Amino acid sequence: MTSYNKKICLIGDFGVGKTSLVNRYVNNDFSEAYQTTVGVSICTRNIKIATDVLIKFVIWDIAGADRLTTVSRSYLSGANGCILVADGTRTKTIENALELKVAVDVQLNNPEMICLLNKHDLSTDWEVDNEYFSYLDSLDSWQMTSARTGEGVEDAFTLLAKKFLDHAKE
């Protein structure tokens, strides 16, 4: 069996659900209590892709910020990929995510990345309409997720793993 270790960084504004997404993905759990990440939180999960490939994700949940700081840049160092998270109930977090994406692309030389529009369970409260979502989808691979219900979470991480596998085959 072929195995890979991949450092993945979750980035995005405060309160978009990065920690909740990681908790849902790693522990299949969700807490209603807001959990502020101070600095970075690191955890791991193995994902089997195909019958003969195992990817160990080392997931770095980086404290929320609307821009890269000296500290967050150091956390990103050596990352193989990123998950960019925005909150559909706050359009400003999407605008900030798009700016973060540019900064991360420059720092990490266009890493494998997926972009998540989180809190889909609150879609009736979203500030994002279908037209804006179509625009985002045309820019990159945006997925809708809900850490609360688990919707799209497993699929998002699997998509990132498949991107690594496709890149390894090239």
N, C-alpha and C. Protein backbone atom coordinates (compact mmCIF):
# COMPACT_ATOMS: atom_id res chain seq x y z
N MET A 1 0.85 -1.18 0.00
CA MET A 1 0.00 0.00 0.00
C MET A 1 0.89 1.24 0.00
N THR A 2 0.53 2.20 -0.83
CA THR A 2 1.24 3.47 -0.88
C THR A 2 0.63 4.40 0.16
N SER A 3 1.48 5.10 0.89
CA SER A 3 0.95 6.04 1.88
C SER A 3 1.65 7.39 1.76
N TYR A 4 0.90 8.42 2.08
CA TYR A 4 1.39 9.79 2.03
C TYR A 4 1.01 10.49 3.33
N ASN A 5 1.86 11.39 3.79
CA ASN A 5 1.53 12.30 4.87
C ASN A 5 1.35 13.68 4.26
N LYS A 6 0.24 14.33 4.56
CA LYS A 6 -0.05 15.64 3.99
C LYS A 6 -0.46 16.62 5.10
N LYS A 7 0.27 17.72 5.17
CA LYS A 7 -0.08 18.79 6.10
C LYS A 7 -1.14 19.66 5.44
N ILE A 8 -2.27 19.78 6.11
CA ILE A 8 -3.41 20.55 5.62
C ILE A 8 -3.69 21.67 6.61
N CYS A 9 -3.83 22.89 6.13
CA CYS A 9 -4.15 24.02 6.99
C CYS A 9 -5.56 24.52 6.70
N LEU A 10 -6.35 24.69 7.76
CA LEU A 10 -7.66 25.32 7.63
C LEU A 10 -7.50 26.79 7.97
N ILE A 11 -7.95 27.64 7.06
CA ILE A 11 -7.83 29.08 7.26
C ILE A 11 -9.16 29.76 6.95
N GLY A 12 -9.34 30.93 7.52
CA GLY A 12 -10.55 31.72 7.31
C GLY A 12 -10.77 32.63 8.50
N ASP A 13 -11.78 33.45 8.40
CA ASP A 13 -12.14 34.39 9.46
C ASP A 13 -12.50 33.69 10.77
N PHE A 14 -12.58 34.48 11.83
CA PHE A 14 -13.08 34.01 13.12
C PHE A 14 -14.54 33.58 12.95
N GLY A 15 -14.91 32.50 13.59
CA GLY A 15 -16.31 32.11 13.68
C GLY A 15 -16.93 31.52 12.43
N VAL A 16 -16.11 31.12 11.44
CA VAL A 16 -16.68 30.54 10.21
C VAL A 16 -16.93 29.04 10.35
N GLY A 17 -16.35 28.42 11.40
CA GLY A 17 -16.60 27.00 11.65
C GLY A 17 -15.43 26.08 11.35
N LYS A 18 -14.22 26.61 11.32
CA LYS A 18 -13.05 25.78 11.03
C LYS A 18 -12.89 24.67 12.06
N THR A 19 -12.91 25.03 13.33
CA THR A 19 -12.74 24.05 14.40
C THR A 19 -13.88 23.05 14.40
N SER A 20 -15.09 23.51 14.16
CA SER A 20 -16.25 22.60 14.11
C SER A 20 -16.14 21.64 12.93
N LEU A 21 -15.63 22.12 11.79
CA LEU A 21 -15.45 21.22 10.64
C LEU A 21 -14.41 20.14 10.95
N VAL A 22 -13.31 20.54 11.58
CA VAL A 22 -12.28 19.57 11.95
C VAL A 22 -12.85 18.56 12.95
N ASN A 23 -13.57 19.06 13.95
CA ASN A 23 -14.16 18.17 14.96
C ASN A 23 -15.15 17.19 14.32
N ARG A 24 -15.93 17.68 13.37
CA ARG A 24 -16.88 16.80 12.67
C ARG A 24 -16.12 15.75 11.85
N TYR A 25 -15.07 16.18 11.16
CA TYR A 25 -14.33 15.27 10.30
C TYR A 25 -13.53 14.23 11.10
N VAL A 26 -12.86 14.67 12.14
CA VAL A 26 -11.98 13.77 12.90
C VAL A 26 -12.76 12.93 13.91
N ASN A 27 -13.72 13.53 14.60
CA ASN A 27 -14.42 12.84 15.70
C ASN A 27 -15.90 12.57 15.42
N ASN A 28 -16.40 13.00 14.25
CA ASN A 28 -17.82 12.91 13.93
C ASN A 28 -18.67 13.49 15.06
N ASP A 29 -18.30 14.69 15.49
CA ASP A 29 -18.96 15.33 16.62
C ASP A 29 -19.15 16.82 16.32
N PHE A 30 -20.12 17.43 16.99
CA PHE A 30 -20.37 18.86 16.86
C PHE A 30 -20.76 19.41 18.21
N SER A 31 -20.24 20.56 18.56
CA SER A 31 -20.60 21.23 19.80
C SER A 31 -21.20 22.59 19.47
N GLU A 32 -22.30 22.92 20.14
CA GLU A 32 -22.92 24.23 19.94
C GLU A 32 -22.09 25.35 20.58
N ALA A 33 -21.23 24.99 21.53
CA ALA A 33 -20.41 25.99 22.21
C ALA A 33 -19.33 26.50 21.26
N TYR A 34 -19.17 27.82 21.20
CA TYR A 34 -18.14 28.41 20.35
C TYR A 34 -16.77 28.12 20.95
N GLN A 35 -15.87 27.61 20.14
CA GLN A 35 -14.54 27.25 20.60
C GLN A 35 -13.53 28.13 19.86
N THR A 36 -12.92 29.06 20.58
CA THR A 36 -11.91 29.92 19.97
C THR A 36 -10.59 29.18 19.91
N THR A 37 -9.99 29.17 18.73
CA THR A 37 -8.66 28.57 18.59
C THR A 37 -7.64 29.66 18.86
N VAL A 38 -6.72 29.36 19.77
CA VAL A 38 -5.64 30.28 20.07
C VAL A 38 -4.39 29.72 19.39
N GLY A 39 -3.90 30.44 18.39
CA GLY A 39 -2.73 29.96 17.66
C GLY A 39 -3.12 28.89 16.66
N VAL A 40 -2.86 27.64 17.02
CA VAL A 40 -3.15 26.54 16.12
C VAL A 40 -3.50 25.30 16.94
N SER A 41 -4.37 24.48 16.39
CA SER A 41 -4.71 23.18 16.97
C SER A 41 -4.39 22.14 15.89
N ILE A 42 -3.74 21.05 16.28
CA ILE A 42 -3.30 20.05 15.30
C ILE A 42 -3.90 18.70 15.65
N CYS A 43 -4.42 18.01 14.63
CA CYS A 43 -4.92 16.65 14.80
C CYS A 43 -4.69 15.88 13.51
N THR A 44 -4.95 14.58 13.54
CA THR A 44 -4.71 13.76 12.36
C THR A 44 -5.90 12.86 12.07
N ARG A 45 -5.96 12.44 10.82
CA ARG A 45 -6.92 11.41 10.41
C ARG A 45 -6.40 10.76 9.13
N ASN A 46 -6.50 9.45 9.09
CA ASN A 46 -6.13 8.70 7.89
C ASN A 46 -7.35 8.56 6.99
N ILE A 47 -7.10 8.65 5.70
CA ILE A 47 -8.17 8.46 4.73
C ILE A 47 -7.66 7.52 3.64
N LYS A 48 -8.43 6.50 3.38
CA LYS A 48 -8.05 5.53 2.36
C LYS A 48 -8.69 5.93 1.03
N ILE A 49 -7.84 6.10 0.03
CA ILE A 49 -8.29 6.47 -1.31
C ILE A 49 -7.94 5.31 -2.21
N ALA A 50 -8.90 4.81 -2.92
CA ALA A 50 -8.71 3.61 -3.75
C ALA A 50 -8.36 2.45 -2.81
N THR A 51 -7.99 1.33 -3.37
CA THR A 51 -7.72 0.16 -2.54
C THR A 51 -6.29 0.12 -2.02
N ASP A 52 -5.42 0.93 -2.62
CA ASP A 52 -4.01 0.82 -2.30
C ASP A 52 -3.33 2.12 -1.90
N VAL A 53 -4.11 3.14 -1.53
CA VAL A 53 -3.52 4.43 -1.16
C VAL A 53 -4.10 4.91 0.17
N LEU A 54 -3.21 5.23 1.09
CA LEU A 54 -3.59 5.77 2.38
C LEU A 54 -2.95 7.14 2.54
N ILE A 55 -3.76 8.13 2.87
CA ILE A 55 -3.25 9.48 3.10
C ILE A 55 -3.51 9.82 4.56
N LYS A 56 -2.44 10.22 5.23
CA LYS A 56 -2.57 10.70 6.61
C LYS A 56 -2.60 12.22 6.55
N PHE A 57 -3.76 12.77 6.90
CA PHE A 57 -3.89 14.22 6.98
C PHE A 57 -3.42 14.67 8.36
N VAL A 58 -2.47 15.57 8.38
CA VAL A 58 -2.08 16.27 9.60
C VAL A 58 -2.74 17.64 9.47
N ILE A 59 -3.81 17.83 10.22
CA ILE A 59 -4.69 18.99 10.03
C ILE A 59 -4.33 20.08 11.04
N TRP A 60 -3.97 21.24 10.49
CA TRP A 60 -3.65 22.41 11.30
C TRP A 60 -4.83 23.38 11.22
N ASP A 61 -5.54 23.52 12.32
CA ASP A 61 -6.66 24.44 12.44
C ASP A 61 -6.08 25.76 12.97
N ILE A 62 -5.91 26.71 12.07
CA ILE A 62 -5.25 27.97 12.40
C ILE A 62 -6.28 28.99 12.88
N ALA A 63 -5.94 29.72 13.94
CA ALA A 63 -6.84 30.73 14.51
C ALA A 63 -7.37 31.65 13.42
N GLY A 64 -8.62 32.05 13.56
CA GLY A 64 -9.27 32.87 12.56
C GLY A 64 -8.64 34.22 12.36
N ALA A 65 -8.58 34.61 11.09
CA ALA A 65 -8.07 35.94 10.74
C ALA A 65 -8.54 36.28 9.33
N ASP A 66 -8.72 37.57 9.08
CA ASP A 66 -9.17 37.99 7.76
C ASP A 66 -8.00 38.26 6.82
N ARG A 67 -6.77 38.11 7.34
CA ARG A 67 -5.58 38.26 6.51
C ARG A 67 -4.47 37.42 7.13
N LEU A 68 -3.44 37.16 6.35
CA LEU A 68 -2.31 36.40 6.87
C LEU A 68 -1.44 37.30 7.74
N THR A 69 -1.04 36.78 8.89
CA THR A 69 -0.14 37.50 9.79
C THR A 69 1.21 36.77 9.77
N THR A 70 2.17 37.35 10.42
CA THR A 70 3.48 36.70 10.52
C THR A 70 3.33 35.32 11.15
N VAL A 71 2.51 35.23 12.18
CA VAL A 71 2.31 33.94 12.86
C VAL A 71 1.61 32.94 11.96
N SER A 72 0.52 33.34 11.31
CA SER A 72 -0.19 32.38 10.46
C SER A 72 0.66 31.97 9.26
N ARG A 73 1.51 32.87 8.78
CA ARG A 73 2.42 32.51 7.68
C ARG A 73 3.39 31.42 8.14
N SER A 74 3.83 31.50 9.39
CA SER A 74 4.75 30.47 9.88
C SER A 74 4.02 29.13 10.04
N TYR A 75 2.74 29.16 10.44
CA TYR A 75 1.97 27.92 10.53
C TYR A 75 1.75 27.29 9.16
N LEU A 76 1.62 28.10 8.15
CA LEU A 76 1.41 27.60 6.78
C LEU A 76 2.66 26.96 6.19
N SER A 77 3.81 27.30 6.73
CA SER A 77 5.06 26.79 6.18
C SER A 77 5.04 25.27 6.09
N GLY A 78 5.37 24.76 4.92
CA GLY A 78 5.42 23.32 4.72
C GLY A 78 4.08 22.66 4.43
N ALA A 79 3.03 23.44 4.34
CA ALA A 79 1.70 22.86 4.08
C ALA A 79 1.64 22.33 2.65
N ASN A 80 0.98 21.19 2.51
CA ASN A 80 0.75 20.60 1.19
C ASN A 80 -0.55 21.09 0.57
N GLY A 81 -1.46 21.53 1.43
CA GLY A 81 -2.75 21.98 0.94
C GLY A 81 -3.48 22.79 1.98
N CYS A 82 -4.55 23.43 1.54
CA CYS A 82 -5.35 24.27 2.43
C CYS A 82 -6.84 24.04 2.20
N ILE A 83 -7.56 24.23 3.27
CA ILE A 83 -9.01 24.29 3.19
C ILE A 83 -9.38 25.69 3.64
N LEU A 84 -9.94 26.45 2.74
CA LEU A 84 -10.33 27.82 2.98
C LEU A 84 -11.81 27.81 3.36
N VAL A 85 -12.15 28.39 4.51
CA VAL A 85 -13.52 28.31 5.01
C VAL A 85 -14.13 29.71 5.12
N ALA A 86 -15.35 29.84 4.62
CA ALA A 86 -16.14 31.06 4.76
C ALA A 86 -17.51 30.69 5.31
N ASP A 87 -18.22 31.68 5.79
CA ASP A 87 -19.53 31.49 6.43
C ASP A 87 -20.59 32.12 5.53
N GLY A 88 -21.51 31.30 5.04
CA GLY A 88 -22.55 31.78 4.14
C GLY A 88 -23.46 32.83 4.76
N THR A 89 -23.49 32.93 6.08
CA THR A 89 -24.34 33.93 6.72
C THR A 89 -23.65 35.29 6.81
N ARG A 90 -22.36 35.34 6.42
CA ARG A 90 -21.61 36.60 6.48
C ARG A 90 -20.78 36.76 5.21
N THR A 91 -21.29 37.57 4.28
CA THR A 91 -20.63 37.77 2.99
C THR A 91 -19.20 38.29 3.17
N LYS A 92 -18.96 39.09 4.17
CA LYS A 92 -17.62 39.64 4.39
C LYS A 92 -16.59 38.52 4.56
N THR A 93 -16.98 37.40 5.16
CA THR A 93 -16.03 36.29 5.34
C THR A 93 -15.66 35.67 4.00
N ILE A 94 -16.55 35.75 3.04
CA ILE A 94 -16.26 35.22 1.70
C ILE A 94 -15.28 36.14 1.00
N GLU A 95 -15.53 37.44 1.10
CA GLU A 95 -14.61 38.41 0.49
C GLU A 95 -13.22 38.27 1.10
N ASN A 96 -13.15 38.12 2.42
CA ASN A 96 -11.86 37.93 3.09
C ASN A 96 -11.21 36.62 2.66
N ALA A 97 -12.01 35.58 2.48
CA ALA A 97 -11.48 34.28 2.06
C ALA A 97 -10.85 34.39 0.67
N LEU A 98 -11.48 35.12 -0.21
CA LEU A 98 -10.92 35.29 -1.56
C LEU A 98 -9.57 36.01 -1.50
N GLU A 99 -9.44 36.98 -0.60
CA GLU A 99 -8.16 37.66 -0.42
C GLU A 99 -7.13 36.74 0.22
N LEU A 100 -7.56 35.94 1.19
CA LEU A 100 -6.66 34.96 1.82
C LEU A 100 -6.15 33.96 0.79
N LYS A 101 -7.02 33.55 -0.11
CA LYS A 101 -6.64 32.57 -1.13
C LYS A 101 -5.48 33.09 -1.97
N VAL A 102 -5.55 34.35 -2.37
CA VAL A 102 -4.47 34.95 -3.16
C VAL A 102 -3.17 34.93 -2.37
N ALA A 103 -3.22 35.32 -1.09
CA ALA A 103 -2.02 35.36 -0.26
C ALA A 103 -1.43 33.97 -0.05
N VAL A 104 -2.29 32.97 0.16
CA VAL A 104 -1.82 31.60 0.36
C VAL A 104 -1.24 31.04 -0.94
N ASP A 105 -1.90 31.32 -2.05
CA ASP A 105 -1.37 30.86 -3.35
C ASP A 105 0.05 31.38 -3.58
N VAL A 106 0.27 32.63 -3.21
CA VAL A 106 1.61 33.22 -3.38
C VAL A 106 2.60 32.56 -2.42
N GLN A 107 2.22 32.45 -1.14
CA GLN A 107 3.16 31.91 -0.14
C GLN A 107 3.50 30.45 -0.41
N LEU A 108 2.50 29.64 -0.79
CA LEU A 108 2.73 28.20 -0.93
C LEU A 108 2.82 27.76 -2.39
N ASN A 109 2.90 28.71 -3.30
CA ASN A 109 3.03 28.40 -4.72
C ASN A 109 1.87 27.54 -5.22
N ASN A 110 0.67 28.05 -5.05
CA ASN A 110 -0.57 27.41 -5.53
C ASN A 110 -0.75 25.99 -5.01
N PRO A 111 -0.95 25.84 -3.71
CA PRO A 111 -1.13 24.50 -3.14
C PRO A 111 -2.48 23.91 -3.54
N GLU A 112 -2.62 22.61 -3.33
CA GLU A 112 -3.95 22.00 -3.49
C GLU A 112 -4.87 22.70 -2.49
N MET A 113 -6.05 23.10 -2.95
CA MET A 113 -6.94 23.86 -2.08
C MET A 113 -8.38 23.58 -2.43
N ILE A 114 -9.21 23.53 -1.40
CA ILE A 114 -10.65 23.54 -1.61
C ILE A 114 -11.21 24.67 -0.75
N CYS A 115 -12.32 25.20 -1.18
CA CYS A 115 -12.96 26.32 -0.50
C CYS A 115 -14.34 25.87 -0.04
N LEU A 116 -14.62 26.11 1.23
CA LEU A 116 -15.88 25.66 1.81
C LEU A 116 -16.74 26.85 2.21
N LEU A 117 -17.98 26.80 1.80
CA LEU A 117 -18.98 27.75 2.26
C LEU A 117 -19.77 27.01 3.33
N ASN A 118 -19.45 27.30 4.58
CA ASN A 118 -19.96 26.54 5.72
C ASN A 118 -21.28 27.12 6.25
N LYS A 119 -21.90 26.35 7.10
CA LYS A 119 -23.16 26.68 7.77
C LYS A 119 -24.35 26.58 6.81
N HIS A 120 -24.30 25.58 5.93
CA HIS A 120 -25.40 25.37 4.99
C HIS A 120 -26.71 25.04 5.70
N ASP A 121 -26.62 24.52 6.92
CA ASP A 121 -27.83 24.25 7.70
C ASP A 121 -28.58 25.55 8.02
N LEU A 122 -27.92 26.67 7.91
CA LEU A 122 -28.53 27.98 8.14
C LEU A 122 -28.79 28.71 6.82
N SER A 123 -28.97 27.97 5.75
CA SER A 123 -29.07 28.58 4.41
C SER A 123 -30.21 29.59 4.30
N THR A 124 -31.24 29.48 5.12
CA THR A 124 -32.31 30.49 5.08
C THR A 124 -31.80 31.84 5.59
N ASP A 125 -30.69 31.84 6.33
CA ASP A 125 -30.09 33.07 6.84
C ASP A 125 -28.89 33.53 6.01
N TRP A 126 -28.59 32.80 4.95
CA TRP A 126 -27.41 33.13 4.15
C TRP A 126 -27.56 34.48 3.48
N GLU A 127 -26.44 35.19 3.38
CA GLU A 127 -26.36 36.43 2.63
C GLU A 127 -25.96 36.14 1.18
N VAL A 128 -25.66 34.88 0.89
CA VAL A 128 -25.18 34.47 -0.43
C VAL A 128 -26.37 33.95 -1.24
N ASP A 129 -26.60 34.54 -2.40
CA ASP A 129 -27.66 34.03 -3.25
C ASP A 129 -27.06 33.10 -4.31
N ASN A 130 -27.91 32.44 -5.07
CA ASN A 130 -27.45 31.47 -6.06
C ASN A 130 -26.53 32.09 -7.10
N GLU A 131 -26.80 33.34 -7.48
CA GLU A 131 -25.96 34.01 -8.47
C GLU A 131 -24.53 34.21 -7.94
N TYR A 132 -24.42 34.63 -6.67
CA TYR A 132 -23.10 34.82 -6.08
C TYR A 132 -22.39 33.48 -5.91
N PHE A 133 -23.15 32.45 -5.52
CA PHE A 133 -22.54 31.13 -5.38
C PHE A 133 -22.05 30.63 -6.74
N SER A 134 -22.79 30.87 -7.80
CA SER A 134 -22.34 30.49 -9.14
C SER A 134 -21.05 31.21 -9.50
N TYR A 135 -20.95 32.48 -9.12
CA TYR A 135 -19.72 33.23 -9.36
C TYR A 135 -18.56 32.59 -8.62
N LEU A 136 -18.76 32.23 -7.34
CA LEU A 136 -17.70 31.59 -6.56
C LEU A 136 -17.29 30.27 -7.19
N ASP A 137 -18.26 29.50 -7.60
CA ASP A 137 -17.98 28.19 -8.18
C ASP A 137 -17.16 28.32 -9.46
N SER A 138 -17.34 29.43 -10.18
CA SER A 138 -16.57 29.63 -11.41
C SER A 138 -15.11 29.98 -11.10
N LEU A 139 -14.83 30.48 -9.89
CA LEU A 139 -13.47 30.86 -9.51
C LEU A 139 -12.64 29.65 -9.08
N ASP A 140 -13.25 28.73 -8.39
CA ASP A 140 -12.54 27.59 -7.85
C ASP A 140 -13.56 26.58 -7.36
N SER A 141 -13.06 25.57 -6.73
CA SER A 141 -13.88 24.47 -6.27
C SER A 141 -14.50 24.80 -4.91
N TRP A 142 -15.63 25.48 -4.90
CA TRP A 142 -16.34 25.80 -3.66
C TRP A 142 -17.35 24.70 -3.37
N GLN A 143 -17.38 24.25 -2.12
CA GLN A 143 -18.31 23.22 -1.67
C GLN A 143 -19.15 23.80 -0.53
N MET A 144 -20.40 23.37 -0.45
CA MET A 144 -21.24 23.77 0.67
C MET A 144 -21.13 22.70 1.75
N THR A 145 -20.95 23.17 3.00
CA THR A 145 -20.83 22.24 4.12
C THR A 145 -21.63 22.73 5.31
N SER A 146 -21.86 21.81 6.22
CA SER A 146 -22.43 22.14 7.51
C SER A 146 -21.74 21.27 8.56
N ALA A 147 -20.97 21.91 9.41
CA ALA A 147 -20.32 21.16 10.49
C ALA A 147 -21.38 20.61 11.45
N ARG A 148 -22.48 21.34 11.62
CA ARG A 148 -23.53 20.90 12.54
C ARG A 148 -24.15 19.58 12.07
N THR A 149 -24.55 19.50 10.81
CA THR A 149 -25.23 18.29 10.33
C THR A 149 -24.26 17.27 9.72
N GLY A 150 -23.07 17.73 9.38
CA GLY A 150 -22.09 16.86 8.72
C GLY A 150 -22.18 16.92 7.20
N GLU A 151 -23.14 17.65 6.68
CA GLU A 151 -23.34 17.74 5.23
C GLU A 151 -22.06 18.21 4.53
N GLY A 152 -21.58 17.42 3.60
CA GLY A 152 -20.48 17.80 2.74
C GLY A 152 -19.09 17.74 3.38
N VAL A 153 -18.99 17.48 4.67
CA VAL A 153 -17.70 17.54 5.35
C VAL A 153 -16.78 16.41 4.87
N GLU A 154 -17.24 15.19 4.96
CA GLU A 154 -16.44 14.04 4.52
C GLU A 154 -16.09 14.19 3.04
N ASP A 155 -17.06 14.60 2.24
CA ASP A 155 -16.83 14.78 0.81
C ASP A 155 -15.74 15.83 0.53
N ALA A 156 -15.72 16.89 1.31
CA ALA A 156 -14.73 17.96 1.10
C ALA A 156 -13.31 17.44 1.33
N PHE A 157 -13.11 16.74 2.44
CA PHE A 157 -11.78 16.22 2.72
C PHE A 157 -11.39 15.13 1.71
N THR A 158 -12.36 14.33 1.30
CA THR A 158 -12.09 13.31 0.29
C THR A 158 -11.69 13.95 -1.03
N LEU A 159 -12.36 15.04 -1.40
CA LEU A 159 -12.02 15.75 -2.63
C LEU A 159 -10.58 16.24 -2.58
N LEU A 160 -10.16 16.78 -1.44
CA LEU A 160 -8.79 17.25 -1.31
C LEU A 160 -7.81 16.07 -1.42
N ALA A 161 -8.13 14.96 -0.80
CA ALA A 161 -7.27 13.76 -0.89
C ALA A 161 -7.15 13.30 -2.34
N LYS A 162 -8.26 13.32 -3.06
CA LYS A 162 -8.23 12.91 -4.47
C LYS A 162 -7.39 13.87 -5.31
N LYS A 163 -7.41 15.16 -4.97
CA LYS A 163 -6.56 16.12 -5.68
C LYS A 163 -5.09 15.76 -5.48
N PHE A 164 -4.73 15.38 -4.26
CA PHE A 164 -3.35 14.96 -4.01
C PHE A 164 -3.00 13.72 -4.82
N LEU A 165 -3.91 12.78 -4.84
CA LEU A 165 -3.67 11.54 -5.58
C LEU A 165 -3.55 11.80 -7.07
N ASP A 166 -4.42 12.64 -7.62
CA ASP A 166 -4.35 12.99 -9.04
C ASP A 166 -3.03 13.68 -9.35
N HIS A 167 -2.60 14.55 -8.47
CA HIS A 167 -1.34 15.27 -8.67
C HIS A 167 -0.15 14.31 -8.61
N ALA A 168 -0.22 13.32 -7.72
CA ALA A 168 0.87 12.34 -7.58
C ALA A 168 0.99 11.47 -8.83
N LYS A 169 -0.12 11.24 -9.52
CA LYS A 169 -0.11 10.40 -10.71
C LYS A 169 0.45 11.12 -11.94
N GLU A 170 0.52 12.45 -11.88
CA GLU A 170 0.98 13.23 -13.04
C GLU A 170 2.47 13.08 -13.27
